[in-house]
Amino acid sequence: MSLTATEYKYIELDDKNVPIVQGTTMKVVELITSVKAYQLSPEELLEIYPHLTLSKIYSALAYYWDNKQELDADMQRRFEYAEKLRLEAGESPLAKKLRDRGLIK
């Protein structure tokens, strides 16, 4: 995989123009998903992702805010695709057993 530098010190674009945190395989949208889902601060993100540095986290956050519309659309597409796959897969055998036993709704 070849990576392309961006104007953000710690953000690179992969072959598909997906922003990646430099020196990792972490996509910027993965980091942002944690922020949106759990309202985590940069310091809390560092605790969860110790392989990153605070500088890389802030660079990813800056990249997100400067490209918010595009990245939000990408996250929405990913969610819709995952939801489509979930619906196509149907209920798992384990979930069916648990539901039949009244252990889940």
PDB file of N, CA and C in Angstrom:
ATOM      1  N   MET A   1       0.847  -1.171   0.000  1.00  0.00           N
ATOM      2  CA  MET A   1       0.000   0.000   0.000  1.00  0.00           C
ATOM      3  C   MET A   1       0.893   1.235   0.000  1.00  0.00           C
ATOM      4  N   SER A   2       0.619   2.130  -0.907  1.00  0.00           N
ATOM      5  CA  SER A   2       1.380   3.381  -0.914  1.00  0.00           C
ATOM      6  C   SER A   2       0.557   4.454  -0.210  1.00  0.00           C
ATOM      7  N   LEU A   3       1.262   5.338   0.473  1.00  0.00           N
ATOM      8  CA  LEU A   3       0.605   6.407   1.220  1.00  0.00           C
ATOM      9  C   LEU A   3       1.049   7.749   0.666  1.00  0.00           C
ATOM     10  N   THR A   4       0.139   8.705   0.675  1.00  0.00           N
ATOM     11  CA  THR A   4       0.407  10.050   0.187  1.00  0.00           C
ATOM     12  C   THR A   4       0.343  11.021   1.356  1.00  0.00           C
ATOM     13  N   ALA A   5       1.332  11.861   1.468  1.00  0.00           N
ATOM     14  CA  ALA A   5       1.362  12.858   2.537  1.00  0.00           C
ATOM     15  C   ALA A   5       0.252  13.883   2.324  1.00  0.00           C
ATOM     16  N   THR A   6      -0.183  14.473   3.421  1.00  0.00           N
ATOM     17  CA  THR A   6      -1.167  15.558   3.367  1.00  0.00           C
ATOM     18  C   THR A   6      -0.537  16.774   4.028  1.00  0.00           C
ATOM     19  N   GLU A   7      -1.271  17.879   4.080  1.00  0.00           N
ATOM     20  CA  GLU A   7      -0.756  19.070   4.762  1.00  0.00           C
ATOM     21  C   GLU A   7      -0.824  18.914   6.276  1.00  0.00           C
ATOM     22  N   TYR A   8      -1.439  17.826   6.735  1.00  0.00           N
ATOM     23  CA  TYR A   8      -1.526  17.520   8.167  1.00  0.00           C
ATOM     24  C   TYR A   8      -0.354  16.618   8.514  1.00  0.00           C
ATOM     25  N   LYS A   9       0.442  17.046   9.470  1.00  0.00           N
ATOM     26  CA  LYS A   9       1.712  16.394   9.757  1.00  0.00           C
ATOM     27  C   LYS A   9       1.603  14.883   9.945  1.00  0.00           C
ATOM     28  N   TYR A  10       0.571  14.400  10.598  1.00  0.00           N
ATOM     29  CA  TYR A  10       0.479  12.977  10.933  1.00  0.00           C
ATOM     30  C   TYR A  10      -0.631  12.238  10.191  1.00  0.00           C
ATOM     31  N   ILE A  11      -1.125  12.800   9.113  1.00  0.00           N
ATOM     32  CA  ILE A  11      -2.204  12.163   8.361  1.00  0.00           C
ATOM     33  C   ILE A  11      -1.733  11.899   6.935  1.00  0.00           C
ATOM     34  N   GLU A  12      -1.968  10.664   6.493  1.00  0.00           N
ATOM     35  CA  GLU A  12      -1.623  10.257   5.130  1.00  0.00           C
ATOM     36  C   GLU A  12      -2.867   9.689   4.461  1.00  0.00           C
ATOM     37  N   LEU A  13      -2.888   9.695   3.144  1.00  0.00           N
ATOM     38  CA  LEU A  13      -3.982   9.101   2.386  1.00  0.00           C
ATOM     39  C   LEU A  13      -3.516   7.784   1.797  1.00  0.00           C
ATOM     40  N   ASP A  14      -4.347   6.740   1.923  1.00  0.00           N
ATOM     41  CA  ASP A  14      -3.979   5.451   1.336  1.00  0.00           C
ATOM     42  C   ASP A  14      -4.336   5.440  -0.149  1.00  0.00           C
ATOM     43  N   ASP A  15      -4.214   4.279  -0.782  1.00  0.00           N
ATOM     44  CA  ASP A  15      -4.474   4.150  -2.218  1.00  0.00           C
ATOM     45  C   ASP A  15      -5.893   4.550  -2.614  1.00  0.00           C
ATOM     46  N   LYS A  16      -6.830   4.461  -1.658  1.00  0.00           N
ATOM     47  CA  LYS A  16      -8.223   4.804  -1.932  1.00  0.00           C
ATOM     48  C   LYS A  16      -8.577   6.197  -1.407  1.00  0.00           C
ATOM     49  N   ASN A  17      -7.550   6.999  -1.082  1.00  0.00           N
ATOM     50  CA  ASN A  17      -7.708   8.355  -0.538  1.00  0.00           C
ATOM     51  C   ASN A  17      -8.400   8.377   0.823  1.00  0.00           C
ATOM     52  N   VAL A  18      -8.241   7.304   1.583  1.00  0.00           N
ATOM     53  CA  VAL A  18      -8.779   7.243   2.937  1.00  0.00           C
ATOM     54  C   VAL A  18      -7.708   7.784   3.877  1.00  0.00           C
ATOM     55  N   PRO A  19      -8.051   8.776   4.711  1.00  0.00           N
ATOM     56  CA  PRO A  19      -7.055   9.334   5.630  1.00  0.00           C
ATOM     57  C   PRO A  19      -6.714   8.351   6.753  1.00  0.00           C
ATOM     58  N   ILE A  20      -5.409   8.139   6.930  1.00  0.00           N
ATOM     59  CA  ILE A  20      -4.861   7.192   7.900  1.00  0.00           C
ATOM     60  C   ILE A  20      -3.922   7.964   8.834  1.00  0.00           C
ATOM     61  N   VAL A  21      -3.913   7.583  10.108  1.00  0.00           N
ATOM     62  CA  VAL A  21      -2.963   8.179  11.051  1.00  0.00           C
ATOM     63  C   VAL A  21      -1.578   7.592  10.742  1.00  0.00           C
ATOM     64  N   GLN A  22      -0.625   8.458  10.501  1.00  0.00           N
ATOM     65  CA  GLN A  22       0.733   8.068  10.095  1.00  0.00           C
ATOM     66  C   GLN A  22       1.336   7.029  11.047  1.00  0.00           C
ATOM     67  N   GLY A  23       1.952   5.997  10.452  1.00  0.00           N
ATOM     68  CA  GLY A  23       2.628   4.973  11.235  1.00  0.00           C
ATOM     69  C   GLY A  23       1.690   3.941  11.837  1.00  0.00           C
ATOM     70  N   THR A  24       0.401   4.000  11.472  1.00  0.00           N
ATOM     71  CA  THR A  24      -0.591   3.059  11.985  1.00  0.00           C
ATOM     72  C   THR A  24      -1.459   2.589  10.817  1.00  0.00           C
ATOM     73  N   THR A  25      -2.389   1.724  11.127  1.00  0.00           N
ATOM     74  CA  THR A  25      -3.415   1.345  10.149  1.00  0.00           C
ATOM     75  C   THR A  25      -4.756   1.978  10.508  1.00  0.00           C
ATOM     76  N   MET A  26      -4.753   2.882  11.490  1.00  0.00           N
ATOM     77  CA  MET A  26      -5.995   3.493  11.973  1.00  0.00           C
ATOM     78  C   MET A  26      -6.475   4.583  11.029  1.00  0.00           C
ATOM     79  N   LYS A  27      -7.727   4.430  10.608  1.00  0.00           N
ATOM     80  CA  LYS A  27      -8.367   5.442   9.783  1.00  0.00           C
ATOM     81  C   LYS A  27      -8.834   6.598  10.677  1.00  0.00           C
ATOM     82  N   VAL A  28      -8.808   7.790  10.142  1.00  0.00           N
ATOM     83  CA  VAL A  28      -9.287   8.956  10.884  1.00  0.00           C
ATOM     84  C   VAL A  28     -10.737   8.741  11.300  1.00  0.00           C
ATOM     85  N   VAL A  29     -11.554   8.145  10.424  1.00  0.00           N
ATOM     86  CA  VAL A  29     -12.966   7.939  10.772  1.00  0.00           C
ATOM     87  C   VAL A  29     -13.122   6.987  11.956  1.00  0.00           C
ATOM     88  N   GLU A  30     -12.199   6.058  12.148  1.00  0.00           N
ATOM     89  CA  GLU A  30     -12.267   5.157  13.306  1.00  0.00           C
ATOM     90  C   GLU A  30     -12.074   5.948  14.600  1.00  0.00           C
ATOM     91  N   LEU A  31     -11.138   6.855  14.582  1.00  0.00           N
ATOM     92  CA  LEU A  31     -10.892   7.691  15.753  1.00  0.00           C
ATOM     93  C   LEU A  31     -12.094   8.602  16.016  1.00  0.00           C
ATOM     94  N   ILE A  32     -12.623   9.192  14.969  1.00  0.00           N
ATOM     95  CA  ILE A  32     -13.760  10.100  15.099  1.00  0.00           C
ATOM     96  C   ILE A  32     -15.000   9.352  15.581  1.00  0.00           C
ATOM     97  N   THR A  33     -15.166   8.120  15.161  1.00  0.00           N
ATOM     98  CA  THR A  33     -16.295   7.313  15.630  1.00  0.00           C
ATOM     99  C   THR A  33     -16.245   7.172  17.147  1.00  0.00           C
ATOM    100  N   SER A  34     -15.054   6.995  17.703  1.00  0.00           N
ATOM    101  CA  SER A  34     -14.911   6.904  19.159  1.00  0.00           C
ATOM    102  C   SER A  34     -15.285   8.225  19.828  1.00  0.00           C
ATOM    103  N   VAL A  35     -14.919   9.315  19.199  1.00  0.00           N
ATOM    104  CA  VAL A  35     -15.261  10.637  19.746  1.00  0.00           C
ATOM    105  C   VAL A  35     -16.777  10.820  19.738  1.00  0.00           C
ATOM    106  N   LYS A  36     -17.407  10.496  18.618  1.00  0.00           N
ATOM    107  CA  LYS A  36     -18.847  10.700  18.488  1.00  0.00           C
ATOM    108  C   LYS A  36     -19.640   9.740  19.382  1.00  0.00           C
ATOM    109  N   ALA A  37     -19.217   8.503  19.458  1.00  0.00           N
ATOM    110  CA  ALA A  37     -19.967   7.501  20.221  1.00  0.00           C
ATOM    111  C   ALA A  37     -19.855   7.709  21.727  1.00  0.00           C
ATOM    112  N   TYR A  38     -18.681   8.110  22.182  1.00  0.00           N
ATOM    113  CA  TYR A  38     -18.431   8.161  23.627  1.00  0.00           C
ATOM    114  C   TYR A  38     -18.052   9.549  24.150  1.00  0.00           C
ATOM    115  N   GLN A  39     -18.066  10.566  23.285  1.00  0.00           N
ATOM    116  CA  GLN A  39     -17.707  11.932  23.665  1.00  0.00           C
ATOM    117  C   GLN A  39     -16.360  11.969  24.395  1.00  0.00           C
ATOM    118  N   LEU A  40     -15.370  11.299  23.809  1.00  0.00           N
ATOM    119  CA  LEU A  40     -14.044  11.217  24.426  1.00  0.00           C
ATOM    120  C   LEU A  40     -13.206  12.440  24.117  1.00  0.00           C
ATOM    121  N   SER A  41     -12.432  12.860  25.091  1.00  0.00           N
ATOM    122  CA  SER A  41     -11.477  13.952  24.900  1.00  0.00           C
ATOM    123  C   SER A  41     -10.223  13.387  24.249  1.00  0.00           C
ATOM    124  N   PRO A  42      -9.365  14.250  23.706  1.00  0.00           N
ATOM    125  CA  PRO A  42      -8.109  13.761  23.145  1.00  0.00           C
ATOM    126  C   PRO A  42      -7.284  12.948  24.164  1.00  0.00           C
ATOM    127  N   GLU A  43      -7.282  13.378  25.410  1.00  0.00           N
ATOM    128  CA  GLU A  43      -6.529  12.667  26.444  1.00  0.00           C
ATOM    129  C   GLU A  43      -7.123  11.281  26.694  1.00  0.00           C
ATOM    130  N   GLU A  44      -8.451  11.183  26.683  1.00  0.00           N
ATOM    131  CA  GLU A  44      -9.110   9.889  26.853  1.00  0.00           C
ATOM    132  C   GLU A  44      -8.844   8.981  25.655  1.00  0.00           C
ATOM    133  N   LEU A  45      -8.806   9.565  24.461  1.00  0.00           N
ATOM    134  CA  LEU A  45      -8.466   8.785  23.272  1.00  0.00           C
ATOM    135  C   LEU A  45      -7.067   8.199  23.403  1.00  0.00           C
ATOM    136  N   LEU A  46      -6.159   8.970  23.953  1.00  0.00           N
ATOM    137  CA  LEU A  46      -4.783   8.510  24.137  1.00  0.00           C
ATOM    138  C   LEU A  46      -4.734   7.303  25.073  1.00  0.00           C
ATOM    139  N   GLU A  47      -5.582   7.300  26.097  1.00  0.00           N
ATOM    140  CA  GLU A  47      -5.634   6.158  27.008  1.00  0.00           C
ATOM    141  C   GLU A  47      -6.139   4.909  26.296  1.00  0.00           C
ATOM    142  N   ILE A  48      -7.108   5.082  25.418  1.00  0.00           N
ATOM    143  CA  ILE A  48      -7.698   3.958  24.702  1.00  0.00           C
ATOM    144  C   ILE A  48      -6.794   3.486  23.562  1.00  0.00           C
ATOM    145  N   TYR A  49      -6.115   4.418  22.929  1.00  0.00           N
ATOM    146  CA  TYR A  49      -5.241   4.109  21.790  1.00  0.00           C
ATOM    147  C   TYR A  49      -3.807   4.510  22.121  1.00  0.00           C
ATOM    148  N   PRO A  50      -3.150   3.768  23.013  1.00  0.00           N
ATOM    149  CA  PRO A  50      -1.802   4.159  23.457  1.00  0.00           C
ATOM    150  C   PRO A  50      -0.738   4.094  22.357  1.00  0.00           C
ATOM    151  N   HIS A  51      -1.060   3.454  21.232  1.00  0.00           N
ATOM    152  CA  HIS A  51      -0.108   3.415  20.119  1.00  0.00           C
ATOM    153  C   HIS A  51      -0.066   4.754  19.372  1.00  0.00           C
ATOM    154  N   LEU A  52      -1.007   5.656  19.674  1.00  0.00           N
ATOM    155  CA  LEU A  52      -1.006   6.994  19.082  1.00  0.00           C
ATOM    156  C   LEU A  52      -0.294   7.957  20.021  1.00  0.00           C
ATOM    157  N   THR A  53      -0.033   9.135  19.534  1.00  0.00           N
ATOM    158  CA  THR A  53       0.482  10.221  20.372  1.00  0.00           C
ATOM    159  C   THR A  53      -0.588  11.301  20.399  1.00  0.00           C
ATOM    160  N   LEU A  54      -0.497  12.182  21.366  1.00  0.00           N
ATOM    161  CA  LEU A  54      -1.452  13.281  21.435  1.00  0.00           C
ATOM    162  C   LEU A  54      -1.362  14.152  20.183  1.00  0.00           C
ATOM    163  N   SER A  55      -0.171  14.311  19.664  1.00  0.00           N
ATOM    164  CA  SER A  55       0.005  15.092  18.435  1.00  0.00           C
ATOM    165  C   SER A  55      -0.742  14.454  17.266  1.00  0.00           C
ATOM    166  N   LYS A  56      -0.670  13.132  17.149  1.00  0.00           N
ATOM    167  CA  LYS A  56      -1.370  12.433  16.065  1.00  0.00           C
ATOM    168  C   LYS A  56      -2.882  12.532  16.249  1.00  0.00           C
ATOM    169  N   ILE A  57      -3.333  12.447  17.481  1.00  0.00           N
ATOM    170  CA  ILE A  57      -4.766  12.565  17.744  1.00  0.00           C
ATOM    171  C   ILE A  57      -5.266  13.956  17.362  1.00  0.00           C
ATOM    172  N   TYR A  58      -4.548  14.990  17.777  1.00  0.00           N
ATOM    173  CA  TYR A  58      -4.961  16.355  17.431  1.00  0.00           C
ATOM    174  C   TYR A  58      -4.897  16.585  15.921  1.00  0.00           C
ATOM    175  N   SER A  59      -3.928  16.002  15.255  1.00  0.00           N
ATOM    176  CA  SER A  59      -3.833  16.135  13.807  1.00  0.00           C
ATOM    177  C   SER A  59      -5.034  15.473  13.133  1.00  0.00           C
ATOM    178  N   ALA A  60      -5.426  14.296  13.633  1.00  0.00           N
ATOM    179  CA  ALA A  60      -6.599  13.603  13.087  1.00  0.00           C
ATOM    180  C   ALA A  60      -7.871  14.411  13.336  1.00  0.00           C
ATOM    181  N   LEU A  61      -7.976  14.993  14.524  1.00  0.00           N
ATOM    182  CA  LEU A  61      -9.149  15.819  14.827  1.00  0.00           C
ATOM    183  C   LEU A  61      -9.192  17.053  13.919  1.00  0.00           C
ATOM    184  N   ALA A  62      -8.060  17.678  13.706  1.00  0.00           N
ATOM    185  CA  ALA A  62      -8.004  18.848  12.816  1.00  0.00           C
ATOM    186  C   ALA A  62      -8.392  18.440  11.396  1.00  0.00           C
ATOM    187  N   TYR A  63      -7.876  17.300  10.946  1.00  0.00           N
ATOM    188  CA  TYR A  63      -8.217  16.815   9.607  1.00  0.00           C
ATOM    189  C   TYR A  63      -9.728  16.609   9.504  1.00  0.00           C
ATOM    190  N   TYR A  64     -10.309  15.992  10.531  1.00  0.00           N
ATOM    191  CA  TYR A  64     -11.756  15.764  10.527  1.00  0.00           C
ATOM    192  C   TYR A  64     -12.515  17.081  10.419  1.00  0.00           C
ATOM    193  N   TRP A  65     -12.200  18.049  11.274  1.00  0.00           N
ATOM    194  CA  TRP A  65     -12.965  19.297  11.274  1.00  0.00           C
ATOM    195  C   TRP A  65     -12.802  20.069   9.978  1.00  0.00           C
ATOM    196  N   ASP A  66     -11.645  19.937   9.345  1.00  0.00           N
ATOM    197  CA  ASP A  66     -11.428  20.619   8.069  1.00  0.00           C
ATOM    198  C   ASP A  66     -12.066  19.881   6.899  1.00  0.00           C
ATOM    199  N   ASN A  67     -12.445  18.619   7.105  1.00  0.00           N
ATOM    200  CA  ASN A  67     -13.046  17.792   6.050  1.00  0.00           C
ATOM    201  C   ASN A  67     -14.322  17.120   6.557  1.00  0.00           C
ATOM    202  N   LYS A  68     -15.016  17.790   7.464  1.00  0.00           N
ATOM    203  CA  LYS A  68     -16.153  17.217   8.187  1.00  0.00           C
ATOM    204  C   LYS A  68     -17.246  16.672   7.265  1.00  0.00           C
ATOM    205  N   GLN A  69     -17.653  17.442   6.306  1.00  0.00           N
ATOM    206  CA  GLN A  69     -18.750  17.021   5.435  1.00  0.00           C
ATOM    207  C   GLN A  69     -18.407  15.726   4.699  1.00  0.00           C
ATOM    208  N   GLU A  70     -17.227  15.663   4.146  1.00  0.00           N
ATOM    209  CA  GLU A  70     -16.795  14.480   3.402  1.00  0.00           C
ATOM    210  C   GLU A  70     -16.674  13.249   4.326  1.00  0.00           C
ATOM    211  N   LEU A  71     -16.076  13.434   5.502  1.00  0.00           N
ATOM    212  CA  LEU A  71     -15.889  12.314   6.419  1.00  0.00           C
ATOM    213  C   LEU A  71     -17.207  11.878   7.052  1.00  0.00           C
ATOM    214  N   ASP A  72     -18.099  12.823   7.354  1.00  0.00           N
ATOM    215  CA  ASP A  72     -19.416  12.448   7.871  1.00  0.00           C
ATOM    216  C   ASP A  72     -20.183  11.628   6.837  1.00  0.00           C
ATOM    217  N   ALA A  73     -20.090  12.019   5.567  1.00  0.00           N
ATOM    218  CA  ALA A  73     -20.752  11.264   4.498  1.00  0.00           C
ATOM    219  C   ALA A  73     -20.153   9.861   4.395  1.00  0.00           C
ATOM    220  N   ASP A  74     -18.831   9.750   4.536  1.00  0.00           N
ATOM    221  CA  ASP A  74     -18.173   8.449   4.504  1.00  0.00           C
ATOM    222  C   ASP A  74     -18.640   7.573   5.666  1.00  0.00           C
ATOM    223  N   MET A  75     -18.725   8.150   6.854  1.00  0.00           N
ATOM    224  CA  MET A  75     -19.195   7.382   8.013  1.00  0.00           C
ATOM    225  C   MET A  75     -20.645   6.945   7.827  1.00  0.00           C
ATOM    226  N   GLN A  76     -21.472   7.792   7.244  1.00  0.00           N
ATOM    227  CA  GLN A  76     -22.867   7.430   6.981  1.00  0.00           C
ATOM    228  C   GLN A  76     -22.946   6.284   5.983  1.00  0.00           C
ATOM    229  N   ARG A  77     -22.128   6.328   4.924  1.00  0.00           N
ATOM    230  CA  ARG A  77     -22.099   5.235   3.943  1.00  0.00           C
ATOM    231  C   ARG A  77     -21.683   3.928   4.607  1.00  0.00           C
ATOM    232  N   ARG A  78     -20.675   3.997   5.471  1.00  0.00           N
ATOM    233  CA  ARG A  78     -20.213   2.793   6.178  1.00  0.00           C
ATOM    234  C   ARG A  78     -21.316   2.229   7.070  1.00  0.00           C
ATOM    235  N   PHE A  79     -22.020   3.116   7.787  1.00  0.00           N
ATOM    236  CA  PHE A  79     -23.110   2.678   8.647  1.00  0.00           C
ATOM    237  C   PHE A  79     -24.210   2.009   7.825  1.00  0.00           C
ATOM    238  N   GLU A  80     -24.600   2.639   6.727  1.00  0.00           N
ATOM    239  CA  GLU A  80     -25.668   2.085   5.888  1.00  0.00           C
ATOM    240  C   GLU A  80     -25.267   0.731   5.309  1.00  0.00           C
ATOM    241  N   TYR A  81     -24.013   0.585   4.920  1.00  0.00           N
ATOM    242  CA  TYR A  81     -23.535  -0.695   4.394  1.00  0.00           C
ATOM    243  C   TYR A  81     -23.571  -1.767   5.480  1.00  0.00           C
ATOM    244  N   ALA A  82     -23.106  -1.441   6.685  1.00  0.00           N
ATOM    245  CA  ALA A  82     -23.124  -2.398   7.796  1.00  0.00           C
ATOM    246  C   ALA A  82     -24.564  -2.779   8.144  1.00  0.00           C
ATOM    247  N   GLU A  83     -25.452  -1.805   8.137  1.00  0.00           N
ATOM    248  CA  GLU A  83     -26.861  -2.080   8.441  1.00  0.00           C
ATOM    249  C   GLU A  83     -27.472  -2.988   7.379  1.00  0.00           C
ATOM    250  N   LYS A  84     -27.148  -2.750   6.126  1.00  0.00           N
ATOM    251  CA  LYS A  84     -27.630  -3.588   5.021  1.00  0.00           C
ATOM    252  C   LYS A  84     -27.160  -5.031   5.223  1.00  0.00           C
ATOM    253  N   LEU A  85     -25.887  -5.210   5.546  1.00  0.00           N
ATOM    254  CA  LEU A  85     -25.356  -6.555   5.771  1.00  0.00           C
ATOM    255  C   LEU A  85     -26.025  -7.219   6.970  1.00  0.00           C
ATOM    256  N   ARG A  86     -26.261  -6.438   8.018  1.00  0.00           N
ATOM    257  CA  ARG A  86     -26.914  -6.982   9.216  1.00  0.00           C
ATOM    258  C   ARG A  86     -28.317  -7.470   8.883  1.00  0.00           C
ATOM    259  N   LEU A  87     -29.062  -6.683   8.129  1.00  0.00           N
ATOM    260  CA  LEU A  87     -30.418  -7.068   7.767  1.00  0.00           C
ATOM    261  C   LEU A  87     -30.428  -8.280   6.846  1.00  0.00           C
ATOM    262  N   GLU A  88     -29.476  -8.339   5.903  1.00  0.00           N
ATOM    263  CA  GLU A  88     -29.381  -9.477   4.994  1.00  0.00           C
ATOM    264  C   GLU A  88     -29.019 -10.761   5.733  1.00  0.00           C
ATOM    265  N   ALA A  89     -28.203 -10.642   6.765  1.00  0.00           N
ATOM    266  CA  ALA A  89     -27.760 -11.825   7.515  1.00  0.00           C
ATOM    267  C   ALA A  89     -28.888 -12.399   8.365  1.00  0.00           C
ATOM    268  N   GLY A  90     -29.804 -11.559   8.789  1.00  0.00           N
ATOM    269  CA  GLY A  90     -30.904 -12.031   9.624  1.00  0.00           C
ATOM    270  C   GLY A  90     -30.435 -12.337  11.039  1.00  0.00           C
ATOM    271  N   GLU A  91     -31.337 -12.913  11.797  1.00  0.00           N
ATOM    272  CA  GLU A  91     -31.053 -13.206  13.197  1.00  0.00           C
ATOM    273  C   GLU A  91     -30.089 -14.390  13.316  1.00  0.00           C
ATOM    274  N   SER A  92     -29.138 -14.256  14.216  1.00  0.00           N
ATOM    275  CA  SER A  92     -28.180 -15.340  14.420  1.00  0.00           C
ATOM    276  C   SER A  92     -28.851 -16.479  15.182  1.00  0.00           C
ATOM    277  N   PRO A  93     -28.360 -17.698  15.020  1.00  0.00           N
ATOM    278  CA  PRO A  93     -28.923 -18.827  15.765  1.00  0.00           C
ATOM    279  C   PRO A  93     -28.864 -18.609  17.286  1.00  0.00           C
ATOM    280  N   LEU A  94     -27.791 -18.030  17.780  1.00  0.00           N
ATOM    281  CA  LEU A  94     -27.670 -17.774  19.214  1.00  0.00           C
ATOM    282  C   LEU A  94     -28.740 -16.783  19.672  1.00  0.00           C
ATOM    283  N   ALA A  95     -28.911 -15.696  18.931  1.00  0.00           N
ATOM    284  CA  ALA A  95     -29.927 -14.710  19.292  1.00  0.00           C
ATOM    285  C   ALA A  95     -31.314 -15.339  19.268  1.00  0.00           C
ATOM    286  N   LYS A  96     -31.579 -16.197  18.295  1.00  0.00           N
ATOM    287  CA  LYS A  96     -32.878 -16.868  18.220  1.00  0.00           C
ATOM    288  C   LYS A  96     -33.105 -17.734  19.455  1.00  0.00           C
ATOM    289  N   LYS A  97     -32.099 -18.508  19.860  1.00  0.00           N
ATOM    290  CA  LYS A  97     -32.219 -19.344  21.060  1.00  0.00           C
ATOM    291  C   LYS A  97     -32.490 -18.495  22.297  1.00  0.00           C
ATOM    292  N   LEU A  98     -31.724 -17.426  22.461  1.00  0.00           N
ATOM    293  CA  LEU A  98     -31.896 -16.556  23.617  1.00  0.00           C
ATOM    294  C   LEU A  98     -33.276 -15.901  23.623  1.00  0.00           C
ATOM    295  N   ARG A  99     -33.737 -15.496  22.430  1.00  0.00           N
ATOM    296  CA  ARG A  99     -35.051 -14.874  22.324  1.00  0.00           C
ATOM    297  C   ARG A  99     -36.146 -15.902  22.650  1.00  0.00           C
ATOM    298  N   ASP A 100     -36.013 -17.121  22.123  1.00  0.00           N
ATOM    299  CA  ASP A 100     -36.986 -18.175  22.392  1.00  0.00           C
ATOM    300  C   ASP A 100     -37.062 -18.499  23.883  1.00  0.00           C
ATOM    301  N   ARG A 101     -35.965 -18.357  24.591  1.00  0.00           N
ATOM    302  CA  ARG A 101     -35.937 -18.631  26.034  1.00  0.00           C
ATOM    303  C   ARG A 101     -36.328 -17.404  26.854  1.00  0.00           C
ATOM    304  N   GLY A 102     -36.606 -16.294  26.174  1.00  0.00           N
ATOM    305  CA  GLY A 102     -37.026 -15.083  26.864  1.00  0.00           C
ATOM    306  C   GLY A 102     -35.870 -14.353  27.553  1.00  0.00           C
ATOM    307  N   LEU A 103     -34.650 -14.655  27.142  1.00  0.00           N
ATOM    308  CA  LEU A 103     -33.486 -14.028  27.779  1.00  0.00           C
ATOM    309  C   LEU A 103     -33.123 -12.692  27.155  1.00  0.00           C
ATOM    310  N   ILE A 104     -33.588 -12.458  25.927  1.00  0.00           N
ATOM    311  CA  ILE A 104     -33.426 -11.158  25.272  1.00  0.00           C
ATOM    312  C   ILE A 104     -34.735 -10.807  24.582  1.00  0.00           C
ATOM    313  N   LYS A 105     -34.881  -9.538  24.276  1.00  0.00           N
ATOM    314  CA  LYS A 105     -36.096  -9.096  23.578  1.00  0.00           C
ATOM    315  C   LYS A 105     -35.891  -9.143  22.093  1.00  0.00           C
TER     316      LYS A 105
END
